Amino acid sequence: EATYYHTNIKDLILNLNVPGSTGFDRQLKNAGAMTNEGIELRLAAIPIKSADFSWSTSLTYSHNSNIVTDIHGANHVDIYGFTGIENVAIVGQPLGVFFGKGYKRGPDGNILLTTGAANDYFGNDFKGAPQITDSLQVLGNPDPTFSMGWRNEFTILHNFSFSFLFDG
């Protein structure tokens, strides 16, 4: 079996900032849009089938990707956040990317470390801690690149069956 899908989604329900003069700081609105596409594959077989015993097995593979295409003119919209790192909607990024302060990097791409002269994020004089950026940035995508599964089922004497699934 194989399935391919591509969907243009509109009217995502987002919690948008509103002017303080309204008496509120946020309002739920149908204000976003995104594309979503992916593929799902399944291969199934019954390698052994007899009067008293059978074994069936199946492999599955799926890949999904999405891109936010509109968030009602905002730079980013918070979806969920806790202590400095948030999941947000940003145009051109997958829905729910991690957004926060990252590590400063040198010209060679290596993470810059504190020197012990009170230059870390909290003003401490620790030596060797990563230096934190001043601005917010996309830190990563929470969605897996792909997922796979392998299911097996064994049936003995038509009355007893045992199955298991590896999923990842």
N, C-alpha and C. Protein backbone atom coordinates (compact mmCIF):
# COMPACT_ATOMS: atom_id res chain seq x y z
N GLU A 1 0.83 -1.17 0.00
CA GLU A 1 0.00 0.00 0.00
C GLU A 1 0.88 1.24 0.00
N ALA A 2 0.41 2.28 -0.64
CA ALA A 2 1.13 3.55 -0.66
C ALA A 2 0.12 4.69 -0.71
N THR A 3 0.42 5.74 0.04
CA THR A 3 -0.44 6.92 0.05
C THR A 3 0.45 8.16 0.01
N TYR A 4 0.08 9.10 -0.86
CA TYR A 4 0.72 10.41 -0.90
C TYR A 4 -0.37 11.44 -0.66
N TYR A 5 -0.08 12.45 0.13
CA TYR A 5 -1.07 13.49 0.37
C TYR A 5 -0.40 14.86 0.34
N HIS A 6 -1.15 15.84 -0.10
CA HIS A 6 -0.73 17.24 -0.11
C HIS A 6 -1.99 18.06 0.19
N THR A 7 -1.94 18.84 1.25
CA THR A 7 -3.11 19.60 1.68
C THR A 7 -2.72 21.04 1.96
N ASN A 8 -3.53 21.95 1.47
CA ASN A 8 -3.41 23.37 1.84
C ASN A 8 -4.42 23.62 2.94
N ILE A 9 -3.93 24.00 4.10
CA ILE A 9 -4.78 24.18 5.27
C ILE A 9 -4.93 25.68 5.53
N LYS A 10 -6.16 26.11 5.76
CA LYS A 10 -6.40 27.51 6.10
C LYS A 10 -7.20 27.57 7.39
N ASP A 11 -7.27 28.74 7.96
CA ASP A 11 -8.02 28.98 9.20
C ASP A 11 -7.47 28.19 10.39
N LEU A 12 -6.12 28.12 10.49
CA LEU A 12 -5.52 27.55 11.70
C LEU A 12 -5.95 28.40 12.89
N ILE A 13 -6.31 27.77 13.97
CA ILE A 13 -6.70 28.50 15.16
C ILE A 13 -5.44 28.87 15.93
N LEU A 14 -5.15 30.16 15.99
CA LEU A 14 -3.94 30.65 16.65
C LEU A 14 -4.32 31.67 17.72
N ASN A 15 -3.49 31.76 18.73
CA ASN A 15 -3.69 32.70 19.83
C ASN A 15 -2.90 33.97 19.52
N LEU A 16 -3.52 34.93 18.85
CA LEU A 16 -2.83 36.13 18.39
C LEU A 16 -2.85 37.24 19.44
N ASN A 17 -1.78 38.03 19.45
CA ASN A 17 -1.72 39.22 20.31
C ASN A 17 -2.73 40.25 19.81
N VAL A 18 -3.36 40.94 20.75
CA VAL A 18 -4.30 42.02 20.40
C VAL A 18 -3.92 43.26 21.20
N PRO A 19 -4.34 44.42 20.75
CA PRO A 19 -4.01 45.65 21.49
C PRO A 19 -4.52 45.59 22.93
N GLY A 20 -3.73 46.13 23.86
CA GLY A 20 -4.11 46.15 25.27
C GLY A 20 -5.38 46.93 25.54
N SER A 21 -5.73 47.86 24.63
CA SER A 21 -6.93 48.66 24.81
C SER A 21 -8.20 47.82 24.74
N THR A 22 -8.08 46.58 24.25
CA THR A 22 -9.25 45.69 24.20
C THR A 22 -9.57 45.11 25.58
N GLY A 23 -8.62 45.22 26.50
CA GLY A 23 -8.79 44.61 27.81
C GLY A 23 -8.24 43.20 27.88
N PHE A 24 -7.71 42.74 26.77
CA PHE A 24 -7.14 41.39 26.70
C PHE A 24 -5.76 41.49 26.07
N ASP A 25 -4.94 40.45 26.22
CA ASP A 25 -3.64 40.47 25.54
C ASP A 25 -3.60 39.49 24.37
N ARG A 26 -4.53 38.54 24.32
CA ARG A 26 -4.56 37.57 23.24
C ARG A 26 -5.99 37.22 22.86
N GLN A 27 -6.14 36.75 21.61
CA GLN A 27 -7.44 36.32 21.14
C GLN A 27 -7.27 35.12 20.22
N LEU A 28 -8.08 34.09 20.42
CA LEU A 28 -8.07 32.95 19.51
C LEU A 28 -8.76 33.35 18.22
N LYS A 29 -8.06 33.12 17.09
CA LYS A 29 -8.61 33.50 15.78
C LYS A 29 -8.28 32.41 14.77
N ASN A 30 -9.13 32.31 13.77
CA ASN A 30 -8.82 31.48 12.61
C ASN A 30 -7.94 32.35 11.71
N ALA A 31 -6.63 32.31 11.91
CA ALA A 31 -5.78 33.32 11.29
C ALA A 31 -4.54 32.76 10.60
N GLY A 32 -4.37 31.47 10.51
CA GLY A 32 -3.16 30.94 9.93
C GLY A 32 -3.42 30.04 8.74
N ALA A 33 -2.36 29.76 8.00
CA ALA A 33 -2.44 28.84 6.87
C ALA A 33 -1.12 28.08 6.77
N MET A 34 -1.20 26.86 6.26
CA MET A 34 0.00 26.06 6.07
C MET A 34 -0.24 24.99 5.01
N THR A 35 0.85 24.45 4.49
CA THR A 35 0.76 23.29 3.61
C THR A 35 1.25 22.08 4.39
N ASN A 36 0.69 20.94 4.08
CA ASN A 36 1.04 19.69 4.74
C ASN A 36 1.11 18.61 3.67
N GLU A 37 2.24 17.89 3.63
CA GLU A 37 2.33 16.81 2.66
C GLU A 37 3.17 15.67 3.22
N GLY A 38 2.94 14.50 2.67
CA GLY A 38 3.69 13.36 3.15
C GLY A 38 3.39 12.11 2.37
N ILE A 39 4.02 11.05 2.81
CA ILE A 39 3.87 9.74 2.18
C ILE A 39 3.79 8.68 3.26
N GLU A 40 2.96 7.68 3.03
CA GLU A 40 2.85 6.54 3.93
C GLU A 40 2.95 5.27 3.09
N LEU A 41 3.81 4.35 3.52
CA LEU A 41 4.01 3.08 2.82
C LEU A 41 3.79 1.93 3.79
N ARG A 42 3.19 0.85 3.30
CA ARG A 42 2.98 -0.35 4.12
C ARG A 42 3.21 -1.58 3.25
N LEU A 43 3.98 -2.51 3.79
CA LEU A 43 4.25 -3.78 3.13
C LEU A 43 3.85 -4.88 4.10
N ALA A 44 2.94 -5.75 3.68
CA ALA A 44 2.44 -6.81 4.56
C ALA A 44 2.61 -8.18 3.90
N ALA A 45 2.82 -9.19 4.74
CA ALA A 45 2.99 -10.56 4.22
C ALA A 45 2.57 -11.57 5.28
N ILE A 46 2.24 -12.76 4.81
CA ILE A 46 1.99 -13.90 5.69
C ILE A 46 3.00 -14.97 5.29
N PRO A 47 4.20 -14.95 5.91
CA PRO A 47 5.26 -15.87 5.51
C PRO A 47 4.93 -17.35 5.81
N ILE A 48 4.18 -17.59 6.89
CA ILE A 48 3.85 -18.98 7.25
C ILE A 48 2.36 -19.05 7.56
N LYS A 49 1.69 -20.02 6.92
CA LYS A 49 0.29 -20.26 7.21
C LYS A 49 0.01 -21.75 7.07
N SER A 50 -0.33 -22.37 8.18
CA SER A 50 -0.68 -23.80 8.18
C SER A 50 -1.96 -23.98 9.00
N ALA A 51 -2.40 -25.20 9.16
CA ALA A 51 -3.63 -25.46 9.89
C ALA A 51 -3.52 -25.06 11.36
N ASP A 52 -2.34 -25.20 11.95
CA ASP A 52 -2.18 -24.95 13.38
C ASP A 52 -1.34 -23.73 13.73
N PHE A 53 -0.75 -23.08 12.74
CA PHE A 53 0.15 -21.96 13.04
C PHE A 53 0.15 -20.98 11.87
N SER A 54 0.17 -19.68 12.22
CA SER A 54 0.36 -18.67 11.17
C SER A 54 1.18 -17.52 11.73
N TRP A 55 1.90 -16.88 10.82
CA TRP A 55 2.70 -15.72 11.17
C TRP A 55 2.42 -14.65 10.11
N SER A 56 1.97 -13.48 10.57
CA SER A 56 1.79 -12.34 9.66
C SER A 56 2.71 -11.22 10.12
N THR A 57 3.21 -10.47 9.18
CA THR A 57 4.15 -9.38 9.48
C THR A 57 3.87 -8.20 8.57
N SER A 58 4.16 -7.00 9.05
CA SER A 58 4.01 -5.81 8.21
C SER A 58 5.04 -4.76 8.61
N LEU A 59 5.51 -4.03 7.63
CA LEU A 59 6.42 -2.90 7.81
C LEU A 59 5.71 -1.63 7.37
N THR A 60 5.87 -0.56 8.14
CA THR A 60 5.29 0.72 7.75
C THR A 60 6.37 1.80 7.77
N TYR A 61 6.21 2.77 6.91
CA TYR A 61 7.12 3.92 6.83
C TYR A 61 6.24 5.14 6.55
N SER A 62 6.53 6.25 7.23
CA SER A 62 5.81 7.48 6.91
C SER A 62 6.74 8.68 7.05
N HIS A 63 6.48 9.67 6.23
CA HIS A 63 7.21 10.94 6.26
C HIS A 63 6.18 12.05 6.09
N ASN A 64 6.23 13.06 6.95
CA ASN A 64 5.31 14.18 6.88
C ASN A 64 6.09 15.48 7.02
N SER A 65 5.72 16.47 6.25
CA SER A 65 6.33 17.79 6.41
C SER A 65 5.25 18.85 6.24
N ASN A 66 5.43 19.96 6.95
CA ASN A 66 4.49 21.06 6.83
C ASN A 66 5.26 22.37 6.88
N ILE A 67 4.69 23.38 6.28
CA ILE A 67 5.28 24.72 6.26
C ILE A 67 4.16 25.73 6.51
N VAL A 68 4.38 26.61 7.48
CA VAL A 68 3.43 27.69 7.74
C VAL A 68 3.54 28.71 6.62
N THR A 69 2.42 29.07 6.01
CA THR A 69 2.44 30.01 4.88
C THR A 69 1.86 31.38 5.22
N ASP A 70 1.09 31.48 6.33
CA ASP A 70 0.53 32.78 6.72
C ASP A 70 0.16 32.74 8.20
N ILE A 71 0.48 33.82 8.93
CA ILE A 71 0.05 33.95 10.33
C ILE A 71 -0.50 35.34 10.60
N HIS A 72 -1.29 35.83 9.65
CA HIS A 72 -2.05 37.07 9.84
C HIS A 72 -1.15 38.27 10.10
N GLY A 73 0.00 38.34 9.40
CA GLY A 73 0.88 39.49 9.49
C GLY A 73 1.81 39.54 10.68
N ALA A 74 1.75 38.56 11.58
CA ALA A 74 2.62 38.57 12.75
C ALA A 74 4.00 37.99 12.40
N ASN A 75 5.03 38.38 13.17
CA ASN A 75 6.37 37.80 12.99
C ASN A 75 6.38 36.34 13.40
N HIS A 76 5.83 36.08 14.58
CA HIS A 76 5.66 34.71 15.04
C HIS A 76 4.50 34.67 16.04
N VAL A 77 3.91 33.50 16.17
CA VAL A 77 2.79 33.32 17.10
C VAL A 77 3.17 32.19 18.04
N ASP A 78 3.10 32.46 19.34
CA ASP A 78 3.40 31.44 20.34
C ASP A 78 2.32 30.36 20.33
N ILE A 79 2.76 29.12 20.34
CA ILE A 79 1.82 28.00 20.45
C ILE A 79 1.89 27.45 21.87
N TYR A 80 3.10 27.25 22.34
CA TYR A 80 3.31 26.76 23.70
C TYR A 80 4.71 27.18 24.11
N GLY A 81 4.90 27.55 25.36
CA GLY A 81 6.22 27.93 25.80
C GLY A 81 6.41 27.71 27.27
N PHE A 82 7.66 27.51 27.65
CA PHE A 82 7.99 27.29 29.05
C PHE A 82 9.44 27.67 29.28
N THR A 83 9.71 28.56 30.18
CA THR A 83 11.04 29.00 30.61
C THR A 83 12.01 29.30 29.46
N GLY A 84 11.62 30.16 28.56
CA GLY A 84 12.57 30.67 27.58
C GLY A 84 12.54 30.01 26.22
N ILE A 85 12.08 28.80 26.11
CA ILE A 85 11.99 28.15 24.80
C ILE A 85 10.51 27.93 24.52
N GLU A 86 10.08 28.28 23.31
CA GLU A 86 8.68 28.18 22.94
C GLU A 86 8.53 27.37 21.67
N ASN A 87 7.34 26.80 21.49
CA ASN A 87 6.94 26.28 20.19
C ASN A 87 6.15 27.39 19.53
N VAL A 88 6.50 27.73 18.29
CA VAL A 88 5.88 28.86 17.63
C VAL A 88 5.50 28.53 16.19
N ALA A 89 4.66 29.39 15.64
CA ALA A 89 4.36 29.38 14.21
C ALA A 89 5.11 30.56 13.59
N ILE A 90 5.94 30.27 12.59
CA ILE A 90 6.68 31.30 11.86
C ILE A 90 6.52 30.99 10.37
N VAL A 91 6.18 31.99 9.57
CA VAL A 91 6.04 31.78 8.13
C VAL A 91 7.35 31.24 7.56
N GLY A 92 7.23 30.17 6.76
CA GLY A 92 8.39 29.56 6.13
C GLY A 92 9.02 28.44 6.95
N GLN A 93 8.50 28.20 8.15
CA GLN A 93 9.03 27.15 9.04
C GLN A 93 7.92 26.12 9.31
N PRO A 94 8.31 24.91 9.72
CA PRO A 94 7.30 23.94 10.15
C PRO A 94 6.54 24.45 11.38
N LEU A 95 5.30 24.05 11.51
CA LEU A 95 4.48 24.47 12.65
C LEU A 95 5.06 23.90 13.94
N GLY A 96 5.23 24.76 14.94
CA GLY A 96 5.68 24.31 16.25
C GLY A 96 7.18 24.24 16.44
N VAL A 97 7.97 24.93 15.60
CA VAL A 97 9.43 24.88 15.77
C VAL A 97 9.81 25.44 17.15
N PHE A 98 10.94 24.96 17.66
CA PHE A 98 11.48 25.48 18.93
C PHE A 98 12.10 26.83 18.66
N PHE A 99 11.78 27.82 19.49
CA PHE A 99 12.20 29.21 19.29
C PHE A 99 12.70 29.75 20.62
N GLY A 100 13.90 30.27 20.62
CA GLY A 100 14.47 30.82 21.85
C GLY A 100 15.88 31.32 21.59
N LYS A 101 16.60 31.57 22.67
CA LYS A 101 17.99 32.01 22.54
C LYS A 101 18.89 30.80 22.38
N GLY A 102 19.81 30.90 21.45
CA GLY A 102 20.72 29.79 21.18
C GLY A 102 22.13 30.10 21.65
N TYR A 103 23.09 29.40 21.10
CA TYR A 103 24.49 29.60 21.45
C TYR A 103 25.17 30.49 20.42
N LYS A 104 26.01 31.41 20.89
CA LYS A 104 26.82 32.22 20.00
C LYS A 104 27.88 31.33 19.36
N ARG A 105 28.16 31.60 18.09
CA ARG A 105 29.14 30.78 17.35
C ARG A 105 30.19 31.68 16.72
N GLY A 106 31.39 31.16 16.64
CA GLY A 106 32.49 31.88 16.01
C GLY A 106 32.45 31.72 14.50
N PRO A 107 33.39 32.37 13.79
CA PRO A 107 33.44 32.28 12.32
C PRO A 107 33.60 30.85 11.82
N ASP A 108 34.20 29.99 12.65
CA ASP A 108 34.41 28.60 12.24
C ASP A 108 33.20 27.72 12.55
N GLY A 109 32.14 28.30 13.16
CA GLY A 109 30.94 27.54 13.48
C GLY A 109 30.94 26.90 14.86
N ASN A 110 32.07 26.99 15.56
CA ASN A 110 32.14 26.42 16.90
C ASN A 110 31.44 27.31 17.92
N ILE A 111 30.89 26.68 18.96
CA ILE A 111 30.21 27.43 20.03
C ILE A 111 31.25 28.22 20.82
N LEU A 112 30.95 29.52 21.05
CA LEU A 112 31.83 30.36 21.84
C LEU A 112 31.59 30.10 23.33
N LEU A 113 32.66 30.02 24.09
CA LEU A 113 32.57 29.74 25.52
C LEU A 113 32.93 30.97 26.33
N THR A 114 32.39 31.05 27.55
CA THR A 114 32.70 32.17 28.42
C THR A 114 34.16 32.09 28.85
N THR A 115 34.72 33.25 29.11
CA THR A 115 36.14 33.32 29.47
C THR A 115 36.36 33.48 30.97
N GLY A 116 35.28 33.60 31.71
CA GLY A 116 35.41 33.80 33.15
C GLY A 116 35.36 35.27 33.52
N ALA A 117 34.99 36.12 32.57
CA ALA A 117 34.94 37.57 32.83
C ALA A 117 33.49 38.06 32.84
N ALA A 118 32.61 37.33 33.49
CA ALA A 118 31.20 37.68 33.63
C ALA A 118 30.53 37.93 32.28
N ASN A 119 30.84 37.08 31.27
CA ASN A 119 30.22 37.30 29.96
C ASN A 119 29.23 36.21 29.59
N ASP A 120 28.72 35.48 30.57
CA ASP A 120 27.68 34.52 30.24
C ASP A 120 26.32 35.20 30.35
N TYR A 121 25.28 34.51 30.01
CA TYR A 121 23.91 35.06 29.92
C TYR A 121 23.44 35.65 31.25
N PHE A 122 23.82 35.06 32.36
CA PHE A 122 23.34 35.50 33.66
C PHE A 122 24.31 36.44 34.37
N GLY A 123 25.41 36.83 33.71
CA GLY A 123 26.37 37.72 34.32
C GLY A 123 27.32 37.02 35.29
N ASN A 124 27.33 35.70 35.26
CA ASN A 124 28.24 34.95 36.13
C ASN A 124 29.63 34.90 35.52
N ASP A 125 30.61 34.59 36.32
CA ASP A 125 31.97 34.54 35.79
C ASP A 125 32.46 33.10 35.62
N PHE A 126 31.54 32.21 35.26
CA PHE A 126 31.93 30.82 34.98
C PHE A 126 32.83 30.79 33.75
N LYS A 127 33.79 29.91 33.75
CA LYS A 127 34.67 29.77 32.60
C LYS A 127 34.29 28.48 31.86
N GLY A 128 34.10 28.60 30.55
CA GLY A 128 33.84 27.43 29.72
C GLY A 128 32.38 27.13 29.47
N ALA A 129 31.45 27.96 29.95
CA ALA A 129 30.02 27.77 29.66
C ALA A 129 29.71 28.36 28.29
N PRO A 130 28.75 27.80 27.55
CA PRO A 130 28.40 28.38 26.24
C PRO A 130 27.84 29.79 26.39
N GLN A 131 28.22 30.67 25.47
CA GLN A 131 27.68 32.02 25.44
C GLN A 131 26.32 31.98 24.75
N ILE A 132 25.34 32.71 25.30
CA ILE A 132 23.97 32.72 24.80
C ILE A 132 23.76 33.92 23.88
N THR A 133 23.00 33.72 22.79
CA THR A 133 22.71 34.81 21.86
C THR A 133 21.81 35.85 22.52
N ASP A 134 21.86 37.06 21.98
CA ASP A 134 21.01 38.14 22.49
C ASP A 134 19.61 38.10 21.89
N SER A 135 19.49 37.53 20.70
CA SER A 135 18.19 37.52 20.02
C SER A 135 17.63 36.10 19.93
N LEU A 136 16.32 36.05 19.69
CA LEU A 136 15.63 34.77 19.55
C LEU A 136 15.88 34.20 18.16
N GLN A 137 15.89 32.87 18.07
CA GLN A 137 16.13 32.20 16.79
C GLN A 137 15.44 30.85 16.79
N VAL A 138 15.27 30.29 15.59
CA VAL A 138 14.73 28.94 15.48
C VAL A 138 15.82 27.97 15.92
N LEU A 139 15.48 27.11 16.90
CA LEU A 139 16.45 26.18 17.47
C LEU A 139 16.30 24.77 16.93
N GLY A 140 15.14 24.42 16.40
CA GLY A 140 14.97 23.08 15.88
C GLY A 140 13.52 22.77 15.56
N ASN A 141 13.33 21.63 14.92
CA ASN A 141 12.02 21.17 14.51
C ASN A 141 11.64 19.95 15.35
N PRO A 142 10.50 19.97 16.04
CA PRO A 142 10.14 18.84 16.88
C PRO A 142 9.63 17.63 16.11
N ASP A 143 9.32 17.81 14.83
CA ASP A 143 8.77 16.71 14.04
C ASP A 143 9.87 15.75 13.60
N PRO A 144 9.61 14.45 13.66
CA PRO A 144 10.61 13.48 13.20
C PRO A 144 10.77 13.54 11.68
N THR A 145 11.95 13.19 11.20
CA THR A 145 12.18 13.13 9.76
C THR A 145 11.31 12.06 9.13
N PHE A 146 11.19 10.93 9.80
CA PHE A 146 10.33 9.84 9.35
C PHE A 146 9.99 8.96 10.55
N SER A 147 9.04 8.08 10.37
CA SER A 147 8.75 7.08 11.39
C SER A 147 8.55 5.74 10.70
N MET A 148 8.89 4.68 11.42
CA MET A 148 8.78 3.33 10.89
C MET A 148 8.19 2.42 11.95
N GLY A 149 7.63 1.32 11.50
CA GLY A 149 7.10 0.33 12.43
C GLY A 149 7.20 -1.07 11.84
N TRP A 150 7.30 -2.06 12.71
CA TRP A 150 7.33 -3.46 12.29
C TRP A 150 6.43 -4.23 13.23
N ARG A 151 5.38 -4.82 12.70
CA ARG A 151 4.40 -5.57 13.50
C ARG A 151 4.43 -7.04 13.10
N ASN A 152 4.36 -7.89 14.10
CA ASN A 152 4.31 -9.34 13.88
C ASN A 152 3.18 -9.92 14.71
N GLU A 153 2.50 -10.92 14.14
CA GLU A 153 1.46 -11.63 14.88
C GLU A 153 1.60 -13.12 14.61
N PHE A 154 1.59 -13.88 15.70
CA PHE A 154 1.68 -15.33 15.62
C PHE A 154 0.39 -15.91 16.18
N THR A 155 -0.22 -16.83 15.45
CA THR A 155 -1.44 -17.49 15.90
C THR A 155 -1.19 -18.99 15.97
N ILE A 156 -1.54 -19.57 17.14
CA ILE A 156 -1.33 -21.00 17.37
C ILE A 156 -2.69 -21.64 17.67
N LEU A 157 -2.99 -22.70 16.94
CA LEU A 157 -4.22 -23.49 17.15
C LEU A 157 -5.49 -22.64 17.10
N HIS A 158 -5.52 -21.62 16.34
CA HIS A 158 -6.68 -20.74 16.10
C HIS A 158 -7.21 -20.04 17.35
N ASN A 159 -6.71 -20.39 18.54
CA ASN A 159 -7.25 -19.83 19.78
C ASN A 159 -6.31 -18.88 20.50
N PHE A 160 -5.05 -18.95 20.22
CA PHE A 160 -4.07 -18.13 20.93
C PHE A 160 -3.27 -17.33 19.92
N SER A 161 -3.21 -16.02 20.15
CA SER A 161 -2.38 -15.20 19.28
C SER A 161 -1.50 -14.29 20.13
N PHE A 162 -0.35 -14.01 19.59
CA PHE A 162 0.63 -13.15 20.25
C PHE A 162 1.14 -12.18 19.20
N SER A 163 1.12 -10.89 19.53
CA SER A 163 1.63 -9.90 18.57
C SER A 163 2.51 -8.89 19.30
N PHE A 164 3.39 -8.26 18.53
CA PHE A 164 4.25 -7.22 19.07
C PHE A 164 4.56 -6.22 17.98
N LEU A 165 4.92 -5.04 18.41
CA LEU A 165 5.18 -3.93 17.50
C LEU A 165 6.44 -3.19 17.93
N PHE A 166 7.33 -2.98 16.98
CA PHE A 166 8.47 -2.07 17.17
C PHE A 166 8.13 -0.81 16.42
N ASP A 167 8.21 0.32 17.09
CA ASP A 167 7.78 1.57 16.50
C ASP A 167 8.82 2.64 16.79
N GLY A 168 9.16 3.44 15.82
CA GLY A 168 10.13 4.49 16.07
C GLY A 168 10.15 5.53 15.01
